[in-house]
Amino acid sequence: MVLAGPKILSEADGDCVGIERVGGRSPVLLVCEHASNVLPAHFGDLGLPSEALLSHIAWDPGALSVARGISEGLDATLVYQRFSRLIYDCNRPPSSPGAMPEASEIYAIPGNTDLTAEERLARTDALYVPFHDAIRGLIRDRRARGQDSIIVTIHSFTPVYHGRERAVELGILHDEDSRLADRMLEAAAEAPLYRTERNQPYGPEDGVTHTLILHGLSNGLRNVMIEVRNDLVADDVGQGVMADYLKGLLQQSLDA
């Protein structure tokens, strides 16, 4: 069954939510909101050149592969969005201009210009609502069988942003609840494979903690957002090394 309204997802597009290891035994519940650069067929290319659709504005390159590596290593359930954030950024609430951006970095996005309230609602109902409902359902089911849930979202960021190089390689982000982030930063200091910083290259003031608030803070669950610099996860080797390192940080932090 396709959870979508008209003209957003077709039967051929399929469901917007991907779930792997639904019976995973780990308390970690992995979320990857920007896993894909795929656009539903109805939208064509949104008026963007091909290089834009391969770039960071459309997705977080390497994030899903890293998340899958952690999922396998920890036996953790993974939830991810199967369509590009250019259609709807599931780490933004419907009221945010960034949920369906008209511009991103150096690109204007013609297909997102002057959306009507009806068009915005259709995208919200087709992509945002079922995605977050799926996470809520998993948390509810896990609670019913006595399994804890710890929300861990996986993202990647560019090494250069608006012409400025970013020295940070790994960001450990949190909102008001820093319990898990604190433990992970301590663990990272003991095994400093990457230059790791708190709330970098983004922080709560940038509006990036929506998923953490929605499913972590609102439920009293430990939570953290992980940002990896995407040049470090550009191939299978880098993705594997990063996934293994993060798996270790998470396991050490949970054991602590």
C-alpha atoms as a PDB file:
ATOM      1  CA  MET A   1       0.000   0.000   0.000  1.00  0.00           C
ATOM      2  CA  VAL A   2       1.310   3.475  -0.871  1.00  0.00           C
ATOM      3  CA  LEU A   3       0.837   6.031   1.873  1.00  0.00           C
ATOM      4  CA  ALA A   4       0.452   9.099  -0.306  1.00  0.00           C
ATOM      5  CA  GLY A   5      -1.952  11.644  -1.645  1.00  0.00           C
ATOM      6  CA  PRO A   6      -2.677  12.234  -5.330  1.00  0.00           C
ATOM      7  CA  LYS A   7       0.131  13.479  -7.586  1.00  0.00           C
ATOM      8  CA  ILE A   8       2.831  12.924  -4.984  1.00  0.00           C
ATOM      9  CA  LEU A   9       3.629   9.198  -4.998  1.00  0.00           C
ATOM     10  CA  SER A  10       2.372   6.704  -7.540  1.00  0.00           C
ATOM     11  CA  GLU A  11       2.109   2.955  -7.172  1.00  0.00           C
ATOM     12  CA  ALA A  12       5.355   2.706  -9.129  1.00  0.00           C
ATOM     13  CA  ASP A  13       7.105   5.081  -6.691  1.00  0.00           C
ATOM     14  CA  GLY A  14       6.217   2.870  -3.732  1.00  0.00           C
ATOM     15  CA  ASP A  15       6.105   3.716  -0.048  1.00  0.00           C
ATOM     16  CA  CYS A  16       8.087   6.677   1.263  1.00  0.00           C
ATOM     17  CA  VAL A  17       9.283   4.839   4.372  1.00  0.00           C
ATOM     18  CA  GLY A  18      12.022   2.230   4.442  1.00  0.00           C
ATOM     19  CA  ILE A  19      12.397   0.070   7.556  1.00  0.00           C
ATOM     20  CA  GLU A  20      15.159  -2.487   8.072  1.00  0.00           C
ATOM     21  CA  ARG A  21      15.784  -4.873  10.979  1.00  0.00           C
ATOM     22  CA  VAL A  22      12.353  -4.182  12.407  1.00  0.00           C
ATOM     23  CA  GLY A  23      13.018  -6.804  15.078  1.00  0.00           C
ATOM     24  CA  GLY A  24      16.481  -5.518  15.959  1.00  0.00           C
ATOM     25  CA  ARG A  25      17.411  -6.210  19.569  1.00  0.00           C
ATOM     26  CA  SER A  26      19.422  -3.051  20.218  1.00  0.00           C
ATOM     27  CA  PRO A  27      17.756  -0.187  22.086  1.00  0.00           C
ATOM     28  CA  VAL A  28      19.140   2.106  19.365  1.00  0.00           C
ATOM     29  CA  LEU A  29      16.524   3.194  16.839  1.00  0.00           C
ATOM     30  CA  LEU A  30      18.341   4.652  13.833  1.00  0.00           C
ATOM     31  CA  VAL A  31      16.718   7.334  11.691  1.00  0.00           C
ATOM     32  CA  CYS A  32      17.992   8.654   8.350  1.00  0.00           C
ATOM     33  CA  GLU A  33      15.787  11.472   7.097  1.00  0.00           C
ATOM     34  CA  HIS A  34      17.994  12.452   4.130  1.00  0.00           C
ATOM     35  CA  ALA A  35      18.866   8.990   2.857  1.00  0.00           C
ATOM     36  CA  SER A  36      17.887   9.393  -0.800  1.00  0.00           C
ATOM     37  CA  ASN A  37      18.114  11.788  -3.737  1.00  0.00           C
ATOM     38  CA  VAL A  38      15.256  10.062  -5.595  1.00  0.00           C
ATOM     39  CA  LEU A  39      12.411  12.303  -6.752  1.00  0.00           C
ATOM     40  CA  PRO A  40       8.880  10.934  -7.192  1.00  0.00           C
ATOM     41  CA  ALA A  41       8.123  10.570 -10.900  1.00  0.00           C
ATOM     42  CA  HIS A  42       5.455  13.286 -10.836  1.00  0.00           C
ATOM     43  CA  PHE A  43       8.060  15.988 -10.082  1.00  0.00           C
ATOM     44  CA  GLY A  44      10.522  15.302 -12.892  1.00  0.00           C
ATOM     45  CA  ASP A  45      13.760  17.093 -12.031  1.00  0.00           C
ATOM     46  CA  LEU A  46      12.158  20.099 -10.270  1.00  0.00           C
ATOM     47  CA  GLY A  47      13.859  22.259 -12.903  1.00  0.00           C
ATOM     48  CA  LEU A  48      17.308  21.433 -11.505  1.00  0.00           C
ATOM     49  CA  PRO A  49      20.429  20.344 -13.411  1.00  0.00           C
ATOM     50  CA  SER A  50      21.684  16.795 -12.885  1.00  0.00           C
ATOM     51  CA  GLU A  51      24.671  17.918 -10.795  1.00  0.00           C
ATOM     52  CA  ALA A  52      22.315  19.537  -8.298  1.00  0.00           C
ATOM     53  CA  LEU A  53      20.299  16.333  -7.912  1.00  0.00           C
ATOM     54  CA  LEU A  54      23.525  14.460  -7.095  1.00  0.00           C
ATOM     55  CA  SER A  55      24.690  17.088  -4.620  1.00  0.00           C
ATOM     56  CA  HIS A  56      24.111  17.614  -0.927  1.00  0.00           C
ATOM     57  CA  ILE A  57      21.047  19.775  -1.528  1.00  0.00           C
ATOM     58  CA  ALA A  58      19.120  16.653  -2.559  1.00  0.00           C
ATOM     59  CA  TRP A  59      20.310  14.230   0.147  1.00  0.00           C
ATOM     60  CA  ASP A  60      23.071  13.377   2.621  1.00  0.00           C
ATOM     61  CA  PRO A  61      25.578  11.349   0.580  1.00  0.00           C
ATOM     62  CA  GLY A  62      26.918   8.350   2.483  1.00  0.00           C
ATOM     63  CA  ALA A  63      24.487   8.692   5.386  1.00  0.00           C
ATOM     64  CA  LEU A  64      22.314   5.688   4.568  1.00  0.00           C
ATOM     65  CA  SER A  65      25.303   3.399   4.028  1.00  0.00           C
ATOM     66  CA  VAL A  66      26.783   4.477   7.360  1.00  0.00           C
ATOM     67  CA  ALA A  67      23.416   3.980   9.062  1.00  0.00           C
ATOM     68  CA  ARG A  68      23.127   0.502   7.556  1.00  0.00           C
ATOM     69  CA  GLY A  69      26.583  -0.385   8.826  1.00  0.00           C
ATOM     70  CA  ILE A  70      25.664   0.696  12.344  1.00  0.00           C
ATOM     71  CA  SER A  71      22.351  -1.134  12.065  1.00  0.00           C
ATOM     72  CA  GLU A  72      24.109  -4.354  11.146  1.00  0.00           C
ATOM     73  CA  GLY A  73      26.790  -3.967  13.807  1.00  0.00           C
ATOM     74  CA  LEU A  74      24.385  -3.265  16.653  1.00  0.00           C
ATOM     75  CA  ASP A  75      21.370  -5.257  15.389  1.00  0.00           C
ATOM     76  CA  ALA A  76      19.443  -1.969  15.446  1.00  0.00           C
ATOM     77  CA  THR A  77      16.239  -1.053  13.631  1.00  0.00           C
ATOM     78  CA  LEU A  78      16.690   1.561  10.899  1.00  0.00           C
ATOM     79  CA  VAL A  79      14.015   3.905   9.508  1.00  0.00           C
ATOM     80  CA  TYR A  80      14.774   6.034   6.457  1.00  0.00           C
ATOM     81  CA  GLN A  81      13.031   8.313   3.969  1.00  0.00           C
ATOM     82  CA  ARG A  82      13.069   6.913   0.417  1.00  0.00           C
ATOM     83  CA  PHE A  83      12.652  10.278  -1.331  1.00  0.00           C
ATOM     84  CA  SER A  84      14.697  13.443  -1.600  1.00  0.00           C
ATOM     85  CA  ARG A  85      14.488  16.208   0.943  1.00  0.00           C
ATOM     86  CA  LEU A  86      13.925  18.546  -2.003  1.00  0.00           C
ATOM     87  CA  ILE A  87      10.310  17.343  -2.019  1.00  0.00           C
ATOM     88  CA  TYR A  88       9.998  17.375   1.784  1.00  0.00           C
ATOM     89  CA  ASP A  89      12.747  17.598   4.401  1.00  0.00           C
ATOM     90  CA  CYS A  90      11.534  15.234   7.114  1.00  0.00           C
ATOM     91  CA  ASN A  91      13.802  16.874   9.690  1.00  0.00           C
ATOM     92  CA  ARG A  92      11.713  20.040   9.462  1.00  0.00           C
ATOM     93  CA  PRO A  93       8.139  20.678  10.680  1.00  0.00           C
ATOM     94  CA  PRO A  94       5.489  21.669   8.109  1.00  0.00           C
ATOM     95  CA  SER A  95       5.626  25.286   9.299  1.00  0.00           C
ATOM     96  CA  SER A  96       9.326  25.628   8.430  1.00  0.00           C
ATOM     97  CA  PRO A  97      10.326  27.280   5.123  1.00  0.00           C
ATOM     98  CA  GLY A  98      13.107  24.666   4.981  1.00  0.00           C
ATOM     99  CA  ALA A  99      10.612  21.819   4.765  1.00  0.00           C
ATOM    100  CA  MET A 100      10.108  22.530   1.051  1.00  0.00           C
ATOM    101  CA  PRO A 101      12.889  25.008   0.241  1.00  0.00           C
ATOM    102  CA  GLU A 102      12.726  27.401  -2.696  1.00  0.00           C
ATOM    103  CA  ALA A 103      16.536  27.657  -2.676  1.00  0.00           C
ATOM    104  CA  SER A 104      19.409  25.639  -1.201  1.00  0.00           C
ATOM    105  CA  GLU A 105      23.054  26.720  -1.091  1.00  0.00           C
ATOM    106  CA  ILE A 106      23.816  28.026  -4.622  1.00  0.00           C
ATOM    107  CA  TYR A 107      20.716  26.589  -6.316  1.00  0.00           C
ATOM    108  CA  ALA A 108      17.238  28.005  -6.835  1.00  0.00           C
ATOM    109  CA  ILE A 109      14.652  25.192  -6.915  1.00  0.00           C
ATOM    110  CA  PRO A 110      12.055  26.101  -9.556  1.00  0.00           C
ATOM    111  CA  GLY A 111       9.764  23.200  -8.715  1.00  0.00           C
ATOM    112  CA  ASN A 112       9.400  24.483  -5.147  1.00  0.00           C
ATOM    113  CA  THR A 113       8.641  28.091  -6.026  1.00  0.00           C
ATOM    114  CA  ASP A 114       5.328  29.620  -4.973  1.00  0.00           C
ATOM    115  CA  LEU A 115       3.779  26.395  -3.704  1.00  0.00           C
ATOM    116  CA  THR A 116       0.149  26.749  -2.738  1.00  0.00           C
ATOM    117  CA  ALA A 117      -1.147  25.750   0.674  1.00  0.00           C
ATOM    118  CA  GLU A 118      -2.801  22.761  -0.969  1.00  0.00           C
ATOM    119  CA  GLU A 119       0.455  21.649  -2.594  1.00  0.00           C
ATOM    120  CA  ARG A 120       2.369  21.979   0.661  1.00  0.00           C
ATOM    121  CA  LEU A 121      -0.285  19.995   2.513  1.00  0.00           C
ATOM    122  CA  ALA A 122      -0.207  17.234  -0.115  1.00  0.00           C
ATOM    123  CA  ARG A 123       3.558  16.841   0.280  1.00  0.00           C
ATOM    124  CA  THR A 124       3.256  16.906   4.061  1.00  0.00           C
ATOM    125  CA  ASP A 125       0.566  14.221   4.069  1.00  0.00           C
ATOM    126  CA  ALA A 126       2.445  12.046   1.576  1.00  0.00           C
ATOM    127  CA  LEU A 127       5.977  12.186   3.025  1.00  0.00           C
ATOM    128  CA  TYR A 128       6.283  13.811   6.448  1.00  0.00           C
ATOM    129  CA  VAL A 129       3.246  12.323   8.164  1.00  0.00           C
ATOM    130  CA  PRO A 130       3.790   8.640   7.263  1.00  0.00           C
ATOM    131  CA  PHE A 131       7.515   8.894   7.965  1.00  0.00           C
ATOM    132  CA  HIS A 132       7.091  10.165  11.495  1.00  0.00           C
ATOM    133  CA  ASP A 133       4.040   7.978  12.096  1.00  0.00           C
ATOM    134  CA  ALA A 134       6.250   4.980  11.295  1.00  0.00           C
ATOM    135  CA  ILE A 135       8.769   6.066  13.929  1.00  0.00           C
ATOM    136  CA  ARG A 136       5.994   6.600  16.471  1.00  0.00           C
ATOM    137  CA  GLY A 137       4.616   3.163  15.702  1.00  0.00           C
ATOM    138  CA  LEU A 138       7.992   1.498  16.203  1.00  0.00           C
ATOM    139  CA  ILE A 139       8.502   3.264  19.528  1.00  0.00           C
ATOM    140  CA  ARG A 140       5.017   2.236  20.639  1.00  0.00           C
ATOM    141  CA  ASP A 141       5.533  -1.398  19.632  1.00  0.00           C
ATOM    142  CA  ARG A 142       8.941  -1.565  21.287  1.00  0.00           C
ATOM    143  CA  ARG A 143       7.543  -0.100  24.491  1.00  0.00           C
ATOM    144  CA  ALA A 144       4.741  -2.659  24.453  1.00  0.00           C
ATOM    145  CA  ARG A 145       7.238  -5.525  24.371  1.00  0.00           C
ATOM    146  CA  GLY A 146       9.479  -3.939  27.022  1.00  0.00           C
ATOM    147  CA  GLN A 147      12.233  -2.758  24.661  1.00  0.00           C
ATOM    148  CA  ASP A 148      13.868   0.607  25.254  1.00  0.00           C
ATOM    149  CA  SER A 149      14.288   3.094  22.405  1.00  0.00           C
ATOM    150  CA  ILE A 150      17.228   5.455  21.975  1.00  0.00           C
ATOM    151  CA  ILE A 151      16.846   7.810  19.002  1.00  0.00           C
ATOM    152  CA  VAL A 152      19.972   8.186  16.847  1.00  0.00           C
ATOM    153  CA  THR A 153      19.735  10.171  13.609  1.00  0.00           C
ATOM    154  CA  ILE A 154      22.451   9.922  10.951  1.00  0.00           C
ATOM    155  CA  HIS A 155      23.399  12.771   8.609  1.00  0.00           C
ATOM    156  CA  SER A 156      26.306  13.988   6.487  1.00  0.00           C
ATOM    157  CA  PHE A 157      27.579  17.484   5.687  1.00  0.00           C
ATOM    158  CA  THR A 158      29.797  19.096   3.076  1.00  0.00           C
ATOM    159  CA  PRO A 159      33.495  19.858   3.668  1.00  0.00           C
ATOM    160  CA  VAL A 160      32.985  23.329   2.158  1.00  0.00           C
ATOM    161  CA  TYR A 161      29.926  25.516   2.732  1.00  0.00           C
ATOM    162  CA  HIS A 162      29.506  28.867   0.972  1.00  0.00           C
ATOM    163  CA  GLY A 163      33.236  28.907   0.236  1.00  0.00           C
ATOM    164  CA  ARG A 164      34.337  28.188   3.810  1.00  0.00           C
ATOM    165  CA  GLU A 165      36.181  24.988   4.666  1.00  0.00           C
ATOM    166  CA  ARG A 166      34.956  23.002   7.620  1.00  0.00           C
ATOM    167  CA  ALA A 167      37.644  21.480   9.790  1.00  0.00           C
ATOM    168  CA  VAL A 168      35.228  19.433  11.903  1.00  0.00           C
ATOM    169  CA  GLU A 169      34.919  15.835  10.697  1.00  0.00           C
ATOM    170  CA  LEU A 170      32.306  14.433  13.051  1.00  0.00           C
ATOM    171  CA  GLY A 171      29.556  16.340  14.824  1.00  0.00           C
ATOM    172  CA  ILE A 172      27.683  15.091  17.888  1.00  0.00           C
ATOM    173  CA  LEU A 173      24.505  17.138  18.145  1.00  0.00           C
ATOM    174  CA  HIS A 174      21.819  17.455  20.793  1.00  0.00           C
ATOM    175  CA  ASP A 175      19.018  19.720  21.892  1.00  0.00           C
ATOM    176  CA  GLU A 176      18.063  20.102  25.570  1.00  0.00           C
ATOM    177  CA  ASP A 177      18.866  16.478  26.399  1.00  0.00           C
ATOM    178  CA  SER A 178      22.639  15.990  26.178  1.00  0.00           C
ATOM    179  CA  ARG A 179      22.900  12.695  28.087  1.00  0.00           C
ATOM    180  CA  LEU A 180      23.888  10.492  25.159  1.00  0.00           C
ATOM    181  CA  ALA A 181      25.845  13.229  23.381  1.00  0.00           C
ATOM    182  CA  ASP A 182      27.950  13.802  26.510  1.00  0.00           C
ATOM    183  CA  ARG A 183      28.842  10.121  26.737  1.00  0.00           C
ATOM    184  CA  MET A 184      29.685   9.925  23.037  1.00  0.00           C
ATOM    185  CA  LEU A 185      31.931  12.983  23.198  1.00  0.00           C
ATOM    186  CA  GLU A 186      33.760  11.453  26.140  1.00  0.00           C
ATOM    187  CA  ALA A 187      34.195   8.199  24.241  1.00  0.00           C
ATOM    188  CA  ALA A 188      35.390  10.072  21.137  1.00  0.00           C
ATOM    189  CA  ALA A 189      38.009  11.914  23.220  1.00  0.00           C
ATOM    190  CA  GLU A 190      39.389   8.543  24.305  1.00  0.00           C
ATOM    191  CA  ALA A 191      39.648   7.298  20.701  1.00  0.00           C
ATOM    192  CA  PRO A 192      40.075  10.452  18.570  1.00  0.00           C
ATOM    193  CA  LEU A 193      39.976   8.990  15.064  1.00  0.00           C
ATOM    194  CA  TYR A 194      38.105  12.041  13.747  1.00  0.00           C
ATOM    195  CA  ARG A 195      38.031  15.698  14.740  1.00  0.00           C
ATOM    196  CA  THR A 196      34.821  15.612  16.755  1.00  0.00           C
ATOM    197  CA  GLU A 197      32.882  18.608  18.073  1.00  0.00           C
ATOM    198  CA  ARG A 198      29.654  19.289  19.923  1.00  0.00           C
ATOM    199  CA  ASN A 199      26.761  20.808  17.928  1.00  0.00           C
ATOM    200  CA  GLN A 200      28.859  21.323  14.796  1.00  0.00           C
ATOM    201  CA  PRO A 201      28.622  22.165  11.950  1.00  0.00           C
ATOM    202  CA  TYR A 202      25.006  22.839  12.956  1.00  0.00           C
ATOM    203  CA  GLY A 203      23.180  23.166  16.240  1.00  0.00           C
ATOM    204  CA  PRO A 204      19.680  23.537  17.695  1.00  0.00           C
ATOM    205  CA  GLU A 205      19.619  27.193  16.677  1.00  0.00           C
ATOM    206  CA  ASP A 206      19.708  26.050  13.029  1.00  0.00           C
ATOM    207  CA  GLY A 207      16.501  24.064  13.403  1.00  0.00           C
ATOM    208  CA  VAL A 208      18.149  20.681  12.815  1.00  0.00           C
ATOM    209  CA  THR A 209      16.910  18.879  15.934  1.00  0.00           C
ATOM    210  CA  HIS A 210      13.268  18.473  14.911  1.00  0.00           C
ATOM    211  CA  THR A 211      13.338  14.662  14.853  1.00  0.00           C
ATOM    212  CA  LEU A 212      15.141  14.562  18.209  1.00  0.00           C
ATOM    213  CA  ILE A 213      12.496  16.807  19.756  1.00  0.00           C
ATOM    214  CA  LEU A 214       9.570  15.003  18.152  1.00  0.00           C
ATOM    215  CA  HIS A 215      10.561  11.470  19.148  1.00  0.00           C
ATOM    216  CA  GLY A 216      13.269  11.822  21.775  1.00  0.00           C
ATOM    217  CA  LEU A 217      12.574  14.771  24.034  1.00  0.00           C
ATOM    218  CA  SER A 218       8.791  14.430  23.824  1.00  0.00           C
ATOM    219  CA  ASN A 219       9.022  10.819  25.011  1.00  0.00           C
ATOM    220  CA  GLY A 220      11.807  11.275  27.552  1.00  0.00           C
ATOM    221  CA  LEU A 221      14.079   9.063  25.418  1.00  0.00           C
ATOM    222  CA  ARG A 222      17.822   9.514  25.106  1.00  0.00           C
ATOM    223  CA  ASN A 223      18.716  10.878  21.701  1.00  0.00           C
ATOM    224  CA  VAL A 224      21.540  12.199  19.558  1.00  0.00           C
ATOM    225  CA  MET A 225      22.121  13.466  16.024  1.00  0.00           C
ATOM    226  CA  ILE A 226      25.324  12.424  14.267  1.00  0.00           C
ATOM    227  CA  GLU A 227      26.805  14.475  11.417  1.00  0.00           C
ATOM    228  CA  VAL A 228      29.695  13.023   9.371  1.00  0.00           C
ATOM    229  CA  ARG A 229      31.684  15.006   6.806  1.00  0.00           C
ATOM    230  CA  ASN A 230      30.747  13.490   3.496  1.00  0.00           C
ATOM    231  CA  ASP A 231      34.220  13.380   1.958  1.00  0.00           C
ATOM    232  CA  LEU A 232      35.079  10.829   4.660  1.00  0.00           C
ATOM    233  CA  VAL A 233      32.241   8.519   3.565  1.00  0.00           C
ATOM    234  CA  ALA A 234      32.483   8.884  -0.193  1.00  0.00           C
ATOM    235  CA  ASP A 235      33.232   5.195  -0.810  1.00  0.00           C
ATOM    236  CA  ASP A 236      32.648   1.766   0.689  1.00  0.00           C
ATOM    237  CA  VAL A 237      35.879   1.836   2.701  1.00  0.00           C
ATOM    238  CA  GLY A 238      35.185   5.209   4.290  1.00  0.00           C
ATOM    239  CA  GLN A 239      31.608   4.274   5.019  1.00  0.00           C
ATOM    240  CA  GLY A 240      32.678   1.034   6.661  1.00  0.00           C
ATOM    241  CA  VAL A 241      35.315   2.697   8.820  1.00  0.00           C
ATOM    242  CA  MET A 242      32.902   5.415   9.920  1.00  0.00           C
ATOM    243  CA  ALA A 243      30.105   2.956  10.666  1.00  0.00           C
ATOM    244  CA  ASP A 244      32.422   0.767  12.737  1.00  0.00           C
ATOM    245  CA  TYR A 245      33.744   3.762  14.668  1.00  0.00           C
ATOM    246  CA  LEU A 246      30.273   5.116  15.407  1.00  0.00           C
ATOM    247  CA  LYS A 247      29.057   1.670  16.391  1.00  0.00           C
ATOM    248  CA  GLY A 248      31.868   1.564  18.928  1.00  0.00           C
ATOM    249  CA  LEU A 249      31.094   5.050  20.266  1.00  0.00           C
ATOM    250  CA  LEU A 250      27.435   4.210  20.667  1.00  0.00           C
ATOM    251  CA  GLN A 251      28.061   0.853  22.328  1.00  0.00           C
ATOM    252  CA  GLN A 252      30.607   2.322  24.721  1.00  0.00           C
ATOM    253  CA  SER A 253      28.250   5.168  25.569  1.00  0.00           C
ATOM    254  CA  LEU A 254      25.322   2.841  26.202  1.00  0.00           C
ATOM    255  CA  ASP A 255      27.440   0.546  28.345  1.00  0.00           C
ATOM    256  CA  ALA A 256      28.525   3.569  30.409  1.00  0.00           C
END
